[in-house]
Amino acid sequence: MSYTGPDFDPPPSRRFRRGPLTVALAALVPGALLGWAVYAAVGGSGDDGGDASTSAGASASASSPAPSSADASPQDGPDESDGKKPSTSPDSASGSASASSSPSASAPAGTGPLKGKVVVIDPGHNPGNVRHTSEINRQVDIGTNSKECDTTGTSTNDGFSEAKFTLDVAHRMRALLEEQGATVKLTQDDDRPFGPCIDERARIGNKAKADAVVSIHADGSGTGNRGFHVILPGPVNSGAADTRAIVEPSRELGERIAGNFVRATGNGPSNYVGGGTGLVTRKDLGGLNLSTVPKVFIECGNMRDSKDAALLTSGAWRQKAARGISEGIASFLRG
């Protein structure tokens, strides 16, 4: 995803009385970022020496796989209808190419602390989008205005696509969450020709009555721009969009993910958006605007920076990222 011209808003003020959980959450992100600062000061790089092949935003043009739009895909991602698990190889970016257009079904939920909870993972962009530019350029209503159905996403300079990255992380997350008993659904798993559109991605989470939805992305910003950030929904009440009921729980979800992502990966928050907090609020993303359940996006790093790209192309690092996001989700669901 890319950030040319978005409306960044300050985090919404909390409208509810702070209870013990809220206070604990307020301390979560600063504490995690302090831990990262200490880690960095003693020479930690966050890179585990995996397959660090250097690879490649402004909003992606539907005809080019370079820049990525924050709302074009998950912003509205991929899933596996056959419930297949990720490859045991840490560098595998698995994905089937069946013709199914329905969201991927989870394997039967087992027992564990998340039994009875429903998680929807929205892997940003579809690898097939590049072959369906006219379809993904179609405008859809996001409440506040209209946007393209989807975009191609960005890529590293060496051609590792955001769509492949997000699908691989989604597979890893699914395995981790299902081990804890959650029912997991993906919005797409490279099992349809393109899309789904950003409005359909939101509907998938809503229809599943998900307890949490997370859209997985990687940014396509300029060289030197590094780090992750979590995108939170801002308060919107326009047309088909009404986020007022999900702003507070989505923020709690985002804070949990940010803190756990730092601890799992050793990587710090974005140095170019979010003011060092790792959190950004936006009101222009259809995947957030049209959601009626707690939902956030995470930009795991910048594919256009060689140092971040070395991490994003490492299977071992992607496993860390999947663990951090999953642990954040689990923490939110357990309360």
Protein backbone atom coordinates (compact mmCIF):
# COMPACT_ATOMS: atom_id res chain seq x y z
CA MET A 1 0.00 0.00 0.00
CA SER A 2 1.09 3.53 -0.52
CA TYR A 3 0.41 6.85 1.06
CA THR A 4 0.23 9.57 -1.54
CA GLY A 5 -2.52 11.97 -0.53
CA PRO A 6 -4.37 10.09 2.23
CA ASP A 7 -6.10 12.00 5.00
CA PHE A 8 -4.14 11.13 8.10
CA ASP A 9 -6.09 11.92 11.22
CA PRO A 10 -4.99 12.05 14.83
CA PRO A 11 -6.06 9.01 16.84
CA PRO A 12 -9.68 9.49 17.94
CA SER A 13 -10.20 10.48 21.53
CA ARG A 14 -11.72 7.78 23.68
CA ARG A 15 -15.33 8.38 24.51
CA PHE A 16 -15.66 5.78 27.23
CA ARG A 17 -14.50 5.70 30.82
CA ARG A 18 -11.09 4.10 31.11
CA GLY A 19 -11.23 0.76 32.84
CA PRO A 20 -8.34 -1.55 33.79
CA LEU A 21 -8.23 -3.09 30.31
CA THR A 22 -8.04 0.30 28.62
CA VAL A 23 -5.26 1.43 30.94
CA ALA A 24 -3.35 -1.77 30.24
CA LEU A 25 -3.77 -1.23 26.53
CA ALA A 26 -2.57 2.35 26.80
CA ALA A 27 0.66 1.08 28.27
CA LEU A 28 1.10 -1.74 25.76
CA VAL A 29 2.42 0.10 22.73
CA PRO A 30 4.76 2.52 24.54
CA GLY A 31 6.20 -0.39 26.51
CA ALA A 32 6.76 -2.42 23.38
CA LEU A 33 8.39 0.51 21.61
CA LEU A 34 10.66 1.11 24.59
CA GLY A 35 11.70 -2.52 24.36
CA TRP A 36 12.46 -2.02 20.69
CA ALA A 37 14.55 1.07 21.44
CA VAL A 38 16.65 -0.88 23.92
CA TYR A 39 16.99 -3.73 21.43
CA ALA A 40 18.15 -1.35 18.70
CA ALA A 41 20.59 0.39 21.03
CA VAL A 42 22.45 -2.84 21.72
CA GLY A 43 22.81 -3.59 18.04
CA GLY A 44 19.77 -5.71 17.18
CA SER A 45 18.77 -5.53 13.53
CA GLY A 46 15.56 -7.54 13.48
CA ASP A 47 16.98 -9.54 10.57
CA ASP A 48 17.48 -13.17 11.40
CA GLY A 49 19.78 -13.85 8.48
CA GLY A 50 17.10 -15.62 6.46
CA ASP A 51 16.85 -15.49 2.68
CA ALA A 52 17.38 -11.77 2.42
CA SER A 53 17.12 -11.32 -1.31
CA THR A 54 16.52 -7.63 -1.90
CA SER A 55 13.25 -7.02 -3.67
CA ALA A 56 10.81 -4.22 -4.39
CA GLY A 57 3.60 3.70 -2.45
CA ALA A 58 1.61 5.75 -4.01
CA SER A 59 -1.67 4.20 -4.87
CA ALA A 60 -1.02 1.44 -7.35
CA SER A 61 -2.18 1.87 -10.83
CA ALA A 62 -4.24 -1.11 -11.75
CA SER A 63 -1.95 -1.80 -14.66
CA SER A 64 1.34 -1.75 -12.74
CA PRO A 65 2.47 -4.01 -9.88
CA ALA A 66 4.69 -1.33 -8.40
CA PRO A 67 2.95 1.06 -5.97
CA SER A 68 0.18 -0.27 -3.78
CA SER A 69 -3.07 1.35 -2.75
CA ALA A 70 -4.09 1.22 0.85
CA ASP A 71 -7.64 0.50 -0.11
CA ALA A 72 -7.27 -1.31 -3.30
CA SER A 73 -6.94 -4.71 -1.93
CA PRO A 74 -7.82 -5.22 1.58
CA GLN A 75 -8.19 -2.22 2.06
CA ASP A 76 -9.52 -3.85 1.26
CA GLY A 77 -6.82 -10.40 0.12
CA PRO A 78 -6.28 -14.32 -0.32
CA ASP A 79 -7.46 -17.66 1.30
CA GLU A 80 -7.55 -21.42 0.89
CA SER A 81 -10.91 -23.06 0.36
CA ASP A 82 -9.31 -26.46 0.71
CA GLY A 83 -7.90 -25.60 4.12
CA LYS A 84 -4.37 -26.38 3.03
CA LYS A 85 -1.57 -25.47 5.39
CA PRO A 86 1.51 -23.43 4.53
CA SER A 87 4.56 -25.25 3.33
CA THR A 88 6.95 -26.40 6.02
CA SER A 89 9.68 -24.46 4.22
CA PRO A 90 10.00 -21.02 5.84
CA ASP A 91 10.54 -19.39 2.47
CA SER A 92 7.52 -20.83 0.73
CA ALA A 93 4.86 -18.44 -0.51
CA SER A 94 2.17 -21.00 -1.12
CA GLY A 95 -1.14 -20.38 -2.83
CA SER A 96 -3.53 -22.38 -4.95
CA ALA A 97 -5.15 -21.09 -8.13
CA SER A 98 -8.56 -22.68 -8.12
CA ALA A 99 -11.55 -20.97 -9.68
CA SER A 100 -13.52 -20.59 -6.46
CA SER A 101 -14.87 -17.12 -5.66
CA SER A 102 -15.93 -17.84 -2.07
CA PRO A 103 -13.82 -16.98 0.97
CA SER A 104 -11.51 -19.72 2.13
CA ALA A 105 -12.93 -21.92 4.83
CA SER A 106 -11.09 -22.68 8.01
CA ALA A 107 -10.20 -26.19 9.04
CA PRO A 108 -12.50 -27.51 11.77
CA ALA A 109 -11.84 -25.55 14.93
CA GLY A 110 -10.08 -27.48 17.65
CA THR A 111 -9.81 -26.84 21.33
CA GLY A 112 -7.83 -24.01 22.82
CA PRO A 113 -8.15 -20.55 24.34
CA LEU A 114 -9.65 -19.12 21.12
CA LYS A 115 -12.29 -21.81 20.61
CA GLY A 116 -15.53 -20.16 19.49
CA LYS A 117 -13.76 -17.06 18.16
CA VAL A 118 -13.89 -16.16 14.46
CA VAL A 119 -10.93 -14.41 12.80
CA VAL A 120 -10.97 -13.16 9.22
CA ILE A 121 -7.57 -12.59 7.59
CA ASP A 122 -7.61 -10.31 4.57
CA PRO A 123 -4.42 -10.79 2.49
CA GLY A 124 -3.97 -7.57 0.57
CA HIS A 125 -4.31 -7.78 -3.20
CA ASN A 126 -4.66 -10.84 -5.41
CA PRO A 127 -1.78 -12.19 -7.54
CA GLY A 128 -4.21 -12.32 -10.48
CA ASN A 129 -5.09 -8.62 -10.34
CA VAL A 130 -2.34 -7.76 -12.83
CA ARG A 131 -4.21 -9.75 -15.50
CA HIS A 132 -7.57 -8.09 -14.80
CA THR A 133 -6.89 -4.39 -14.87
CA SER A 134 -10.26 -3.33 -16.26
CA GLU A 135 -12.13 -5.32 -13.62
CA ILE A 136 -10.14 -3.97 -10.67
CA ASN A 137 -10.40 -0.40 -11.99
CA ARG A 138 -14.19 -0.51 -11.56
CA GLN A 139 -15.37 2.02 -9.00
CA VAL A 140 -17.13 0.84 -5.84
CA ASP A 141 -18.87 2.80 -3.11
CA ILE A 142 -16.98 3.11 0.20
CA GLY A 143 -19.47 5.39 1.94
CA THR A 144 -17.47 8.61 1.85
CA ASN A 145 -16.76 8.41 -1.88
CA SER A 146 -15.88 5.81 -4.53
CA LYS A 147 -12.64 3.96 -5.15
CA GLU A 148 -11.19 1.33 -7.46
CA CYS A 149 -12.40 -2.21 -6.79
CA ASP A 150 -8.81 -3.24 -5.99
CA THR A 151 -5.22 -2.58 -7.03
CA THR A 152 -2.26 -4.72 -7.96
CA GLY A 153 -0.26 -3.84 -4.86
CA THR A 154 3.41 -3.00 -4.78
CA SER A 155 6.55 -5.16 -5.03
CA THR A 156 10.21 -5.18 -4.09
CA ASN A 157 12.74 -3.91 -6.59
CA ASP A 158 13.54 -7.55 -7.39
CA GLY A 159 9.91 -8.33 -8.17
CA PHE A 160 8.63 -10.07 -5.02
CA SER A 161 5.01 -8.94 -5.02
CA GLU A 162 2.99 -7.64 -2.12
CA ALA A 163 0.23 -10.08 -3.10
CA LYS A 164 2.57 -13.06 -2.61
CA PHE A 165 3.89 -11.62 0.64
CA THR A 166 0.45 -11.08 2.14
CA LEU A 167 -0.80 -14.52 1.13
CA ASP A 168 2.21 -16.23 2.69
CA VAL A 169 1.85 -14.34 5.97
CA ALA A 170 -1.89 -15.12 5.97
CA HIS A 171 -1.20 -18.85 5.65
CA ARG A 172 1.23 -18.74 8.55
CA MET A 173 -1.21 -16.77 10.69
CA ARG A 174 -4.02 -19.19 9.96
CA ALA A 175 -1.96 -22.13 11.16
CA LEU A 176 -0.99 -20.32 14.37
CA LEU A 177 -4.53 -19.18 15.18
CA GLU A 178 -6.13 -22.53 14.39
CA GLU A 179 -3.68 -24.17 16.80
CA GLN A 180 -5.30 -22.03 19.48
CA GLY A 181 -8.80 -23.14 18.49
CA ALA A 182 -9.95 -20.15 16.42
CA THR A 183 -12.10 -20.47 13.33
CA VAL A 184 -10.16 -18.69 10.59
CA LYS A 185 -11.40 -17.48 7.21
CA LEU A 186 -9.46 -15.74 4.46
CA THR A 187 -11.06 -13.27 2.10
CA GLN A 188 -9.19 -14.85 -0.82
CA ASP A 189 -6.46 -17.38 -1.40
CA ASP A 190 -5.41 -16.85 -5.00
CA ASP A 191 -8.46 -19.01 -5.63
CA ARG A 192 -10.30 -16.51 -7.82
CA PRO A 193 -9.21 -14.59 -10.94
CA PHE A 194 -9.00 -11.20 -9.20
CA GLY A 195 -10.18 -9.30 -6.15
CA PRO A 196 -12.38 -9.43 -4.20
CA CYS A 197 -13.22 -5.75 -4.37
CA ILE A 198 -12.69 -3.69 -1.27
CA ASP A 199 -16.39 -3.52 -0.45
CA GLU A 200 -16.74 -7.32 -0.73
CA ARG A 201 -13.72 -7.81 1.52
CA ALA A 202 -15.52 -5.81 4.20
CA ARG A 203 -18.74 -7.78 3.69
CA ILE A 204 -16.90 -11.09 4.15
CA GLY A 205 -15.83 -10.08 7.64
CA ASN A 206 -19.25 -8.67 8.45
CA LYS A 207 -21.09 -11.77 7.24
CA ALA A 208 -18.77 -14.02 9.26
CA LYS A 209 -19.57 -11.92 12.35
CA ALA A 210 -15.84 -11.94 12.94
CA ASP A 211 -14.48 -11.14 16.36
CA ALA A 212 -11.46 -9.58 14.63
CA VAL A 213 -10.41 -8.83 11.05
CA VAL A 214 -6.87 -7.96 9.98
CA SER A 215 -5.81 -6.87 6.50
CA ILE A 216 -2.20 -7.76 5.70
CA HIS A 217 -0.12 -5.39 3.58
CA ALA A 218 3.37 -4.11 2.82
CA ASP A 219 3.95 -0.52 1.78
CA GLY A 220 5.51 0.92 -1.37
CA SER A 221 7.02 4.13 -0.04
CA GLY A 222 10.39 5.76 -0.78
CA THR A 223 13.88 4.49 -0.03
CA GLY A 224 14.85 5.18 3.57
CA ASN A 225 11.27 4.93 4.79
CA ARG A 226 11.24 1.92 7.09
CA GLY A 227 9.18 0.12 9.70
CA PHE A 228 5.64 -1.12 10.24
CA HIS A 229 2.44 0.72 11.04
CA VAL A 230 -1.07 -0.35 11.94
CA ILE A 231 -3.96 1.53 10.32
CA LEU A 232 -7.02 2.16 12.48
CA PRO A 233 -10.50 3.21 11.32
CA GLY A 234 -11.50 6.78 12.04
CA PRO A 235 -15.06 7.76 12.92
CA VAL A 236 -17.10 7.78 9.69
CA ASN A 237 -20.87 8.10 9.27
CA SER A 238 -21.63 8.66 5.63
CA GLY A 239 -23.73 6.71 3.16
CA ALA A 240 -23.17 2.98 3.63
CA ALA A 241 -20.29 3.60 6.05
CA ASP A 242 -20.71 3.85 9.81
CA THR A 243 -17.61 3.00 11.84
CA ARG A 244 -18.63 4.65 15.09
CA ALA A 245 -19.27 1.37 16.92
CA ILE A 246 -15.95 -0.20 15.88
CA VAL A 247 -13.51 2.68 16.36
CA GLU A 248 -12.79 1.88 20.01
CA PRO A 249 -12.43 -1.94 19.76
CA SER A 250 -10.46 -1.60 16.52
CA ARG A 251 -8.02 0.70 18.26
CA GLU A 252 -7.57 -1.82 21.06
CA LEU A 253 -6.98 -4.54 18.45
CA GLY A 254 -4.42 -2.35 16.67
CA GLU A 255 -2.57 -1.53 19.87
CA ARG A 256 -2.32 -5.20 20.79
CA ILE A 257 -0.99 -6.08 17.33
CA ALA A 258 1.54 -3.23 17.31
CA GLY A 259 3.00 -4.20 20.68
CA ASN A 260 3.26 -7.89 19.84
CA PHE A 261 4.67 -7.19 16.37
CA VAL A 262 7.55 -5.26 17.92
CA ARG A 263 8.30 -8.04 20.39
CA ALA A 264 8.09 -10.85 17.82
CA THR A 265 10.11 -9.23 15.04
CA GLY A 266 12.43 -6.81 16.84
CA ASN A 267 11.53 -4.21 14.23
CA GLY A 268 10.47 -0.69 15.11
CA PRO A 269 7.52 1.42 14.02
CA SER A 270 7.41 3.47 10.84
CA ASN A 271 9.82 6.39 10.62
CA TYR A 272 7.62 8.20 8.07
CA VAL A 273 4.01 8.00 9.33
CA GLY A 274 2.46 7.72 12.76
CA GLY A 275 4.91 9.90 14.67
CA GLY A 276 6.85 6.89 15.95
CA THR A 277 3.77 5.24 17.50
CA GLY A 278 3.25 2.60 14.82
CA LEU A 279 -0.42 3.68 14.68
CA VAL A 280 -2.18 5.73 11.99
CA THR A 281 -5.87 6.61 11.75
CA ARG A 282 -7.54 6.88 8.34
CA LYS A 283 -11.05 7.54 7.06
CA ASP A 284 -10.49 6.95 3.33
CA LEU A 285 -10.22 3.16 3.22
CA GLY A 286 -13.24 1.17 2.09
CA GLY A 287 -12.14 -1.98 3.90
CA LEU A 288 -12.35 -0.07 7.19
CA ASN A 289 -15.21 2.28 6.40
CA LEU A 290 -17.60 -0.54 5.48
CA SER A 291 -16.66 -2.88 8.32
CA THR A 292 -19.16 -3.48 11.12
CA VAL A 293 -16.71 -5.61 13.15
CA PRO A 294 -13.34 -4.70 14.73
CA LYS A 295 -10.82 -4.37 11.92
CA VAL A 296 -7.35 -2.94 11.25
CA PHE A 297 -4.72 -3.00 8.51
CA ILE A 298 -1.04 -3.63 9.10
CA GLU A 299 1.71 -2.45 6.77
CA CYS A 300 4.50 -4.85 7.77
CA GLY A 301 7.30 -2.84 6.17
CA ASN A 302 8.31 -0.93 3.04
CA MET A 303 9.00 -3.12 0.02
CA ARG A 304 10.82 -0.30 -1.76
CA ASP A 305 13.51 0.08 0.87
CA SER A 306 16.32 -2.45 0.47
CA LYS A 307 16.71 -3.09 4.21
CA ASP A 308 13.01 -3.65 4.78
CA ALA A 309 12.81 -5.69 1.57
CA ALA A 310 15.52 -8.01 2.90
CA LEU A 311 13.24 -8.77 5.84
CA LEU A 312 10.01 -9.06 3.88
CA THR A 313 11.58 -11.56 1.48
CA SER A 314 12.86 -13.72 4.35
CA GLY A 315 10.61 -16.65 5.16
CA ALA A 316 11.99 -16.82 8.69
CA TRP A 317 11.14 -13.15 9.24
CA ARG A 318 7.65 -13.62 7.77
CA GLN A 319 7.09 -16.34 10.37
CA LYS A 320 8.02 -13.83 13.08
CA ALA A 321 5.65 -11.29 11.58
CA ALA A 322 2.82 -13.83 11.45
CA ARG A 323 3.47 -14.75 15.07
CA GLY A 324 3.46 -11.15 16.21
CA ILE A 325 0.19 -10.32 14.44
CA SER A 326 -1.43 -13.56 15.62
CA GLU A 327 -0.37 -12.99 19.21
CA GLY A 328 -1.83 -9.50 19.04
CA ILE A 329 -5.13 -10.89 17.78
CA ALA A 330 -5.16 -13.61 20.45
CA SER A 331 -4.44 -11.06 23.18
CA PHE A 332 -7.34 -8.91 21.97
CA LEU A 333 -9.75 -11.86 21.80
CA ARG A 334 -8.82 -13.11 25.25
CA GLY A 335 -9.36 -9.65 26.68
